[in-house]
Amino acid sequence: AQQEIAVLGGHVVAIMPERRRYAKAMKAAVGA
């Protein structure tokens, strides 16, 4: 829904209790 969210002017942030390498891996895995 990224495109629809952007059209509405919204901005997403995901917050996780993990070190940066794992946050980076999650972002890449889901294509965010």
PDB file of all heavy atoms in Angstrom:
ATOM      1  N   ALA A   1       0.813  -1.215   0.000  1.00  0.00           N
ATOM      2  CA  ALA A   1       0.000   0.000   0.000  1.00  0.00           C
ATOM      3  C   ALA A   1       0.852   1.273   0.000  1.00  0.00           C
ATOM      4  O   ALA A   1       0.318   2.371   0.197  1.00  0.00           O
ATOM      5  CB  ALA A   1      -0.912   0.006   1.223  1.00  0.00           C
ATOM      6  N   GLN A   2       2.165   1.129  -0.232  1.00  0.00           N
ATOM      7  CA  GLN A   2       3.061   2.290  -0.164  1.00  0.00           C
ATOM      8  C   GLN A   2       2.613   3.433  -1.056  1.00  0.00           C
ATOM      9  O   GLN A   2       2.616   4.594  -0.650  1.00  0.00           O
ATOM     10  CB  GLN A   2       4.487   1.874  -0.555  1.00  0.00           C
ATOM     11  CG  GLN A   2       5.299   1.248   0.546  1.00  0.00           C
ATOM     12  CD  GLN A   2       6.720   0.908   0.114  1.00  0.00           C
ATOM     13  OE1 GLN A   2       7.652   1.144   0.844  1.00  0.00           O
ATOM     14  NE2 GLN A   2       6.884   0.316  -1.053  1.00  0.00           N
ATOM     15  N   GLN A   3       2.208   3.109  -2.286  1.00  0.00           N
ATOM     16  CA  GLN A   3       1.833   4.160  -3.233  1.00  0.00           C
ATOM     17  C   GLN A   3       0.572   4.880  -2.764  1.00  0.00           C
ATOM     18  O   GLN A   3       0.500   6.115  -2.802  1.00  0.00           O
ATOM     19  CB  GLN A   3       1.612   3.568  -4.622  1.00  0.00           C
ATOM     20  CG  GLN A   3       1.332   4.622  -5.690  1.00  0.00           C
ATOM     21  CD  GLN A   3       1.297   4.035  -7.090  1.00  0.00           C
ATOM     22  OE1 GLN A   3       1.602   2.877  -7.302  1.00  0.00           O
ATOM     23  NE2 GLN A   3       0.916   4.856  -8.072  1.00  0.00           N
ATOM     24  N   GLU A   4      -0.409   4.124  -2.299  1.00  0.00           N
ATOM     25  CA  GLU A   4      -1.653   4.739  -1.804  1.00  0.00           C
ATOM     26  C   GLU A   4      -1.379   5.602  -0.582  1.00  0.00           C
ATOM     27  O   GLU A   4      -1.952   6.695  -0.436  1.00  0.00           O
ATOM     28  CB  GLU A   4      -2.673   3.650  -1.491  1.00  0.00           C
ATOM     29  CG  GLU A   4      -4.065   4.178  -1.196  1.00  0.00           C
ATOM     30  CD  GLU A   4      -5.105   3.090  -1.063  1.00  0.00           C
ATOM     31  OE1 GLU A   4      -4.745   1.891  -1.166  1.00  0.00           O
ATOM     32  OE2 GLU A   4      -6.281   3.433  -0.851  1.00  0.00           O
ATOM     33  N   ILE A   5      -0.496   5.126   0.295  1.00  0.00           N
ATOM     34  CA  ILE A   5      -0.124   5.901   1.481  1.00  0.00           C
ATOM     35  C   ILE A   5       0.545   7.204   1.067  1.00  0.00           C
ATOM     36  O   ILE A   5       0.259   8.272   1.613  1.00  0.00           O
ATOM     37  CB  ILE A   5       0.793   5.064   2.396  1.00  0.00           C
ATOM     38  CG1 ILE A   5       0.002   3.916   3.037  1.00  0.00           C
ATOM     39  CG2 ILE A   5       1.434   5.938   3.478  1.00  0.00           C
ATOM     40  CD1 ILE A   5       0.869   2.896   3.752  1.00  0.00           C
ATOM     41  N   ALA A   6       1.426   7.128   0.057  1.00  0.00           N
ATOM     42  CA  ALA A   6       2.132   8.321  -0.409  1.00  0.00           C
ATOM     43  C   ALA A   6       1.169   9.337  -1.019  1.00  0.00           C
ATOM     44  O   ALA A   6       1.316  10.547  -0.813  1.00  0.00           O
ATOM     45  CB  ALA A   6       3.198   7.920  -1.427  1.00  0.00           C
ATOM     46  N   VAL A   7       0.182   8.859  -1.760  1.00  0.00           N
ATOM     47  CA  VAL A   7      -0.819   9.749  -2.367  1.00  0.00           C
ATOM     48  C   VAL A   7      -1.573  10.525  -1.284  1.00  0.00           C
ATOM     49  O   VAL A   7      -1.935  11.693  -1.470  1.00  0.00           O
ATOM     50  CB  VAL A   7      -1.796   8.943  -3.250  1.00  0.00           C
ATOM     51  CG1 VAL A   7      -3.010   9.779  -3.643  1.00  0.00           C
ATOM     52  CG2 VAL A   7      -1.087   8.432  -4.489  1.00  0.00           C
ATOM     53  N   LEU A   8      -1.775   9.878  -0.147  1.00  0.00           N
ATOM     54  CA  LEU A   8      -2.465  10.522   0.968  1.00  0.00           C
ATOM     55  C   LEU A   8      -1.536  11.424   1.789  1.00  0.00           C
ATOM     56  O   LEU A   8      -1.961  12.026   2.760  1.00  0.00           O
ATOM     57  CB  LEU A   8      -3.072   9.458   1.882  1.00  0.00           C
ATOM     58  CG  LEU A   8      -4.220   8.639   1.272  1.00  0.00           C
ATOM     59  CD1 LEU A   8      -4.592   7.472   2.194  1.00  0.00           C
ATOM     60  CD2 LEU A   8      -5.429   9.523   1.018  1.00  0.00           C
ATOM     61  N   GLY A   9      -0.271  11.475   1.385  1.00  0.00           N
ATOM     62  CA  GLY A   9       0.688  12.310   2.088  1.00  0.00           C
ATOM     63  C   GLY A   9       1.265  11.672   3.327  1.00  0.00           C
ATOM     64  O   GLY A   9       1.956  12.332   4.113  1.00  0.00           O
ATOM     65  N   GLY A  10       1.002  10.384   3.514  1.00  0.00           N
ATOM     66  CA  GLY A  10       1.464   9.696   4.705  1.00  0.00           C
ATOM     67  C   GLY A  10       2.899   9.225   4.614  1.00  0.00           C
ATOM     68  O   GLY A  10       3.441   9.027   3.521  1.00  0.00           O
ATOM     69  N   HIS A  11       3.504   9.051   5.775  1.00  0.00           N
ATOM     70  CA  HIS A  11       4.876   8.560   5.856  1.00  0.00           C
ATOM     71  C   HIS A  11       4.937   7.462   6.916  1.00  0.00           C
ATOM     72  O   HIS A  11       4.450   7.639   8.032  1.00  0.00           O
ATOM     73  CB  HIS A  11       5.830   9.692   6.212  1.00  0.00           C
ATOM     74  CG  HIS A  11       5.895  10.750   5.152  1.00  0.00           C
ATOM     75  ND1 HIS A  11       6.811  10.725   4.128  1.00  0.00           N
ATOM     76  CD2 HIS A  11       5.118  11.837   4.935  1.00  0.00           C
ATOM     77  CE1 HIS A  11       6.614  11.760   3.331  1.00  0.00           C
ATOM     78  NE2 HIS A  11       5.589  12.452   3.798  1.00  0.00           N
ATOM     79  N   VAL A  12       5.529   6.333   6.542  1.00  0.00           N
ATOM     80  CA  VAL A  12       5.583   5.156   7.405  1.00  0.00           C
ATOM     81  C   VAL A  12       6.960   5.037   8.042  1.00  0.00           C
ATOM     82  O   VAL A  12       7.984   5.276   7.391  1.00  0.00           O
ATOM     83  CB  VAL A  12       5.291   3.874   6.597  1.00  0.00           C
ATOM     84  CG1 VAL A  12       5.352   2.641   7.499  1.00  0.00           C
ATOM     85  CG2 VAL A  12       3.934   3.967   5.907  1.00  0.00           C
ATOM     86  N   VAL A  13       6.984   4.662   9.312  1.00  0.00           N
ATOM     87  CA  VAL A  13       8.218   4.201   9.942  1.00  0.00           C
ATOM     88  C   VAL A  13       7.904   2.919  10.702  1.00  0.00           C
ATOM     89  O   VAL A  13       6.858   2.817  11.356  1.00  0.00           O
ATOM     90  CB  VAL A  13       8.843   5.235  10.900  1.00  0.00           C
ATOM     91  CG1 VAL A  13       9.375   6.430  10.146  1.00  0.00           C
ATOM     92  CG2 VAL A  13       7.875   5.666  11.973  1.00  0.00           C
ATOM     93  N   ALA A  14       8.769   1.936  10.565  1.00  0.00           N
ATOM     94  CA  ALA A  14       8.665   0.701  11.328  1.00  0.00           C
ATOM     95  C   ALA A  14       9.712   0.735  12.433  1.00  0.00           C
ATOM     96  O   ALA A  14      10.860   1.135  12.189  1.00  0.00           O
ATOM     97  CB  ALA A  14       8.883  -0.507  10.432  1.00  0.00           C
ATOM     98  N   ILE A  15       9.327   0.331  13.629  1.00  0.00           N
ATOM     99  CA  ILE A  15      10.228   0.363  14.784  1.00  0.00           C
ATOM    100  C   ILE A  15      10.411  -1.056  15.299  1.00  0.00           C
ATOM    101  O   ILE A  15       9.431  -1.770  15.553  1.00  0.00           O
ATOM    102  CB  ILE A  15       9.665   1.274  15.889  1.00  0.00           C
ATOM    103  CG1 ILE A  15       9.546   2.719  15.370  1.00  0.00           C
ATOM    104  CG2 ILE A  15      10.550   1.228  17.132  1.00  0.00           C
ATOM    105  CD1 ILE A  15       8.937   3.690  16.366  1.00  0.00           C
ATOM    106  N   MET A  16      11.667  -1.480  15.436  1.00  0.00           N
ATOM    107  CA  MET A  16      12.007  -2.840  15.865  1.00  0.00           C
ATOM    108  C   MET A  16      13.102  -2.785  16.920  1.00  0.00           C
ATOM    109  O   MET A  16      13.946  -1.897  16.893  1.00  0.00           O
ATOM    110  CB  MET A  16      12.531  -3.663  14.668  1.00  0.00           C
ATOM    111  CG  MET A  16      11.544  -3.845  13.536  1.00  0.00           C
ATOM    112  SD  MET A  16      12.376  -4.412  12.014  1.00  0.00           S
ATOM    113  CE  MET A  16      13.318  -5.810  12.615  1.00  0.00           C
ATOM    114  N   PRO A  17      13.137  -3.752  17.841  1.00  0.00           N
ATOM    115  CA  PRO A  17      14.159  -3.745  18.891  1.00  0.00           C
ATOM    116  C   PRO A  17      15.428  -4.484  18.470  1.00  0.00           C
ATOM    117  O   PRO A  17      16.058  -5.165  19.290  1.00  0.00           O
ATOM    118  CB  PRO A  17      13.456  -4.467  20.045  1.00  0.00           C
ATOM    119  CG  PRO A  17      12.616  -5.498  19.361  1.00  0.00           C
ATOM    120  CD  PRO A  17      12.147  -4.838  18.078  1.00  0.00           C
ATOM    121  N   GLU A  18      15.809  -4.368  17.206  1.00  0.00           N
ATOM    122  CA  GLU A  18      16.933  -5.145  16.689  1.00  0.00           C
ATOM    123  C   GLU A  18      18.068  -4.254  16.219  1.00  0.00           C
ATOM    124  O   GLU A  18      17.851  -3.090  15.842  1.00  0.00           O
ATOM    125  CB  GLU A  18      16.473  -6.035  15.530  1.00  0.00           C
ATOM    126  CG  GLU A  18      15.489  -7.093  15.956  1.00  0.00           C
ATOM    127  CD  GLU A  18      15.307  -8.172  14.900  1.00  0.00           C
ATOM    128  OE1 GLU A  18      15.248  -7.828  13.701  1.00  0.00           O
ATOM    129  OE2 GLU A  18      15.241  -9.349  15.265  1.00  0.00           O
ATOM    130  N   ARG A  19      19.255  -4.824  16.222  1.00  0.00           N
ATOM    131  CA  ARG A  19      20.418  -4.093  15.739  1.00  0.00           C
ATOM    132  C   ARG A  19      20.255  -3.757  14.258  1.00  0.00           C
ATOM    133  O   ARG A  19      19.489  -4.385  13.542  1.00  0.00           O
ATOM    134  CB  ARG A  19      21.683  -4.911  15.982  1.00  0.00           C
ATOM    135  CG  ARG A  19      21.975  -5.108  17.465  1.00  0.00           C
ATOM    136  CD  ARG A  19      23.324  -5.750  17.687  1.00  0.00           C
ATOM    137  NE  ARG A  19      23.362  -7.121  17.219  1.00  0.00           N
ATOM    138  CZ  ARG A  19      24.481  -7.748  16.852  1.00  0.00           C
ATOM    139  NH1 ARG A  19      25.635  -7.107  16.856  1.00  0.00           N
ATOM    140  NH2 ARG A  19      24.443  -8.998  16.470  1.00  0.00           N
ATOM    141  N   ARG A  20      21.020  -2.752  13.828  1.00  0.00           N
ATOM    142  CA  ARG A  20      20.803  -2.174  12.502  1.00  0.00           C
ATOM    143  C   ARG A  20      20.909  -3.194  11.380  1.00  0.00           C
ATOM    144  O   ARG A  20      20.150  -3.144  10.413  1.00  0.00           O
ATOM    145  CB  ARG A  20      21.806  -1.034  12.272  1.00  0.00           C
ATOM    146  CG  ARG A  20      21.645  -0.354  10.910  1.00  0.00           C
ATOM    147  CD  ARG A  20      22.213   1.046  10.931  1.00  0.00           C
ATOM    148  NE  ARG A  20      23.618   1.103  11.224  1.00  0.00           N
ATOM    149  CZ  ARG A  20      24.576   1.263  10.306  1.00  0.00           C
ATOM    150  NH1 ARG A  20      24.262   1.337   9.030  1.00  0.00           N
ATOM    151  NH2 ARG A  20      25.835   1.324  10.663  1.00  0.00           N
ATOM    152  N   ARG A  21      21.827  -4.144  11.469  1.00  0.00           N
ATOM    153  CA  ARG A  21      22.003  -5.103  10.379  1.00  0.00           C
ATOM    154  C   ARG A  21      20.735  -5.914  10.143  1.00  0.00           C
ATOM    155  O   ARG A  21      20.408  -6.258   9.006  1.00  0.00           O
ATOM    156  CB  ARG A  21      23.187  -6.033  10.645  1.00  0.00           C
ATOM    157  CG  ARG A  21      23.055  -6.884  11.888  1.00  0.00           C
ATOM    158  CD  ARG A  21      24.245  -7.808  12.081  1.00  0.00           C
ATOM    159  NE  ARG A  21      24.299  -8.849  11.071  1.00  0.00           N
ATOM    160  CZ  ARG A  21      25.086  -9.907  11.141  1.00  0.00           C
ATOM    161  NH1 ARG A  21      25.891 -10.049  12.184  1.00  0.00           N
ATOM    162  NH2 ARG A  21      25.084 -10.800  10.201  1.00  0.00           N
ATOM    163  N   TYR A  22      19.999  -6.198  11.222  1.00  0.00           N
ATOM    164  CA  TYR A  22      18.767  -6.978  11.085  1.00  0.00           C
ATOM    165  C   TYR A  22      17.609  -6.109  10.615  1.00  0.00           C
ATOM    166  O   TYR A  22      16.757  -6.570   9.842  1.00  0.00           O
ATOM    167  CB  TYR A  22      18.446  -7.668  12.412  1.00  0.00           C
ATOM    168  CG  TYR A  22      19.533  -8.629  12.818  1.00  0.00           C
ATOM    169  CD1 TYR A  22      20.390  -8.338  13.879  1.00  0.00           C
ATOM    170  CD2 TYR A  22      19.747  -9.810  12.117  1.00  0.00           C
ATOM    171  CE1 TYR A  22      21.409  -9.209  14.245  1.00  0.00           C
ATOM    172  CE2 TYR A  22      20.767 -10.683  12.469  1.00  0.00           C
ATOM    173  CZ  TYR A  22      21.596 -10.375  13.535  1.00  0.00           C
ATOM    174  OH  TYR A  22      22.620 -11.238  13.869  1.00  0.00           O
ATOM    175  N   ALA A  23      17.576  -4.851  11.063  1.00  0.00           N
ATOM    176  CA  ALA A  23      16.566  -3.924  10.551  1.00  0.00           C
ATOM    177  C   ALA A  23      16.760  -3.711   9.050  1.00  0.00           C
ATOM    178  O   ALA A  23      15.797  -3.680   8.275  1.00  0.00           O
ATOM    179  CB  ALA A  23      16.657  -2.598  11.294  1.00  0.00           C
ATOM    180  N   LYS A  24      18.005  -3.594   8.645  1.00  0.00           N
ATOM    181  CA  LYS A  24      18.326  -3.404   7.227  1.00  0.00           C
ATOM    182  C   LYS A  24      17.916  -4.634   6.419  1.00  0.00           C
ATOM    183  O   LYS A  24      17.371  -4.520   5.316  1.00  0.00           O
ATOM    184  CB  LYS A  24      19.828  -3.151   7.083  1.00  0.00           C
ATOM    185  CG  LYS A  24      20.269  -2.614   5.730  1.00  0.00           C
ATOM    186  CD  LYS A  24      21.771  -2.399   5.733  1.00  0.00           C
ATOM    187  CE  LYS A  24      22.242  -1.823   4.420  1.00  0.00           C
ATOM    188  NZ  LYS A  24      22.249  -0.370   4.411  1.00  0.00           N
ATOM    189  N   ALA A  25      18.161  -5.819   6.994  1.00  0.00           N
ATOM    190  CA  ALA A  25      17.789  -7.060   6.305  1.00  0.00           C
ATOM    191  C   ALA A  25      16.278  -7.168   6.156  1.00  0.00           C
ATOM    192  O   ALA A  25      15.772  -7.604   5.107  1.00  0.00           O
ATOM    193  CB  ALA A  25      18.330  -8.266   7.068  1.00  0.00           C
ATOM    194  N   MET A  26      15.540  -6.775   7.187  1.00  0.00           N
ATOM    195  CA  MET A  26      14.079  -6.804   7.135  1.00  0.00           C
ATOM    196  C   MET A  26      13.566  -5.862   6.055  1.00  0.00           C
ATOM    197  O   MET A  26      12.688  -6.209   5.255  1.00  0.00           O
ATOM    198  CB  MET A  26      13.510  -6.415   8.497  1.00  0.00           C
ATOM    199  CG  MET A  26      12.001  -6.315   8.549  1.00  0.00           C
ATOM    200  SD  MET A  26      11.179  -7.910   8.560  1.00  0.00           S
ATOM    201  CE  MET A  26       9.663  -7.465   9.438  1.00  0.00           C
ATOM    202  N   LYS A  27      14.096  -4.669   6.012  1.00  0.00           N
ATOM    203  CA  LYS A  27      13.669  -3.691   5.010  1.00  0.00           C
ATOM    204  C   LYS A  27      13.897  -4.225   3.603  1.00  0.00           C
ATOM    205  O   LYS A  27      13.014  -4.123   2.731  1.00  0.00           O
ATOM    206  CB  LYS A  27      14.434  -2.374   5.202  1.00  0.00           C
ATOM    207  CG  LYS A  27      14.071  -1.305   4.190  1.00  0.00           C
ATOM    208  CD  LYS A  27      14.844  -0.026   4.442  1.00  0.00           C
ATOM    209  CE  LYS A  27      14.514   1.032   3.393  1.00  0.00           C
ATOM    210  NZ  LYS A  27      15.247   2.297   3.667  1.00  0.00           N
ATOM    211  N   ALA A  28      15.054  -4.817   3.377  1.00  0.00           N
ATOM    212  CA  ALA A  28      15.365  -5.363   2.050  1.00  0.00           C
ATOM    213  C   ALA A  28      14.472  -6.546   1.720  1.00  0.00           C
ATOM    214  O   ALA A  28      14.004  -6.687   0.578  1.00  0.00           O
ATOM    215  CB  ALA A  28      16.835  -5.773   2.001  1.00  0.00           C
ATOM    216  N   ALA A  29      14.207  -7.394   2.711  1.00  0.00           N
ATOM    217  CA  ALA A  29      13.421  -8.612   2.460  1.00  0.00           C
ATOM    218  C   ALA A  29      12.003  -8.300   2.025  1.00  0.00           C
ATOM    219  O   ALA A  29      11.425  -9.031   1.216  1.00  0.00           O
ATOM    220  CB  ALA A  29      13.410  -9.486   3.714  1.00  0.00           C
ATOM    221  N   VAL A  30      11.425  -7.215   2.554  1.00  0.00           N
ATOM    222  CA  VAL A  30      10.036  -6.890   2.224  1.00  0.00           C
ATOM    223  C   VAL A  30       9.926  -5.849   1.116  1.00  0.00           C
ATOM    224  O   VAL A  30       8.819  -5.544   0.660  1.00  0.00           O
ATOM    225  CB  VAL A  30       9.265  -6.419   3.472  1.00  0.00           C
ATOM    226  CG1 VAL A  30       9.315  -7.485   4.559  1.00  0.00           C
ATOM    227  CG2 VAL A  30       9.789  -5.094   4.007  1.00  0.00           C
ATOM    228  N   GLY A  31      11.058  -5.298   0.688  1.00  0.00           N
ATOM    229  CA  GLY A  31      11.034  -4.312  -0.393  1.00  0.00           C
ATOM    230  C   GLY A  31      10.478  -2.965   0.023  1.00  0.00           C
ATOM    231  O   GLY A  31       9.833  -2.281  -0.777  1.00  0.00           O
ATOM    232  N   ALA A  32      10.736  -2.572   1.259  1.00  0.00           N
ATOM    233  CA  ALA A  32      10.185  -1.314   1.775  1.00  0.00           C
ATOM    234  C   ALA A  32      11.005  -0.112   1.339  1.00  0.00           C
ATOM    235  O   ALA A  32      12.231  -0.187   1.216  1.00  0.00           O
ATOM    236  CB  ALA A  32      10.113  -1.357   3.301  1.00  0.00           C
TER     237      ALA A  32
END
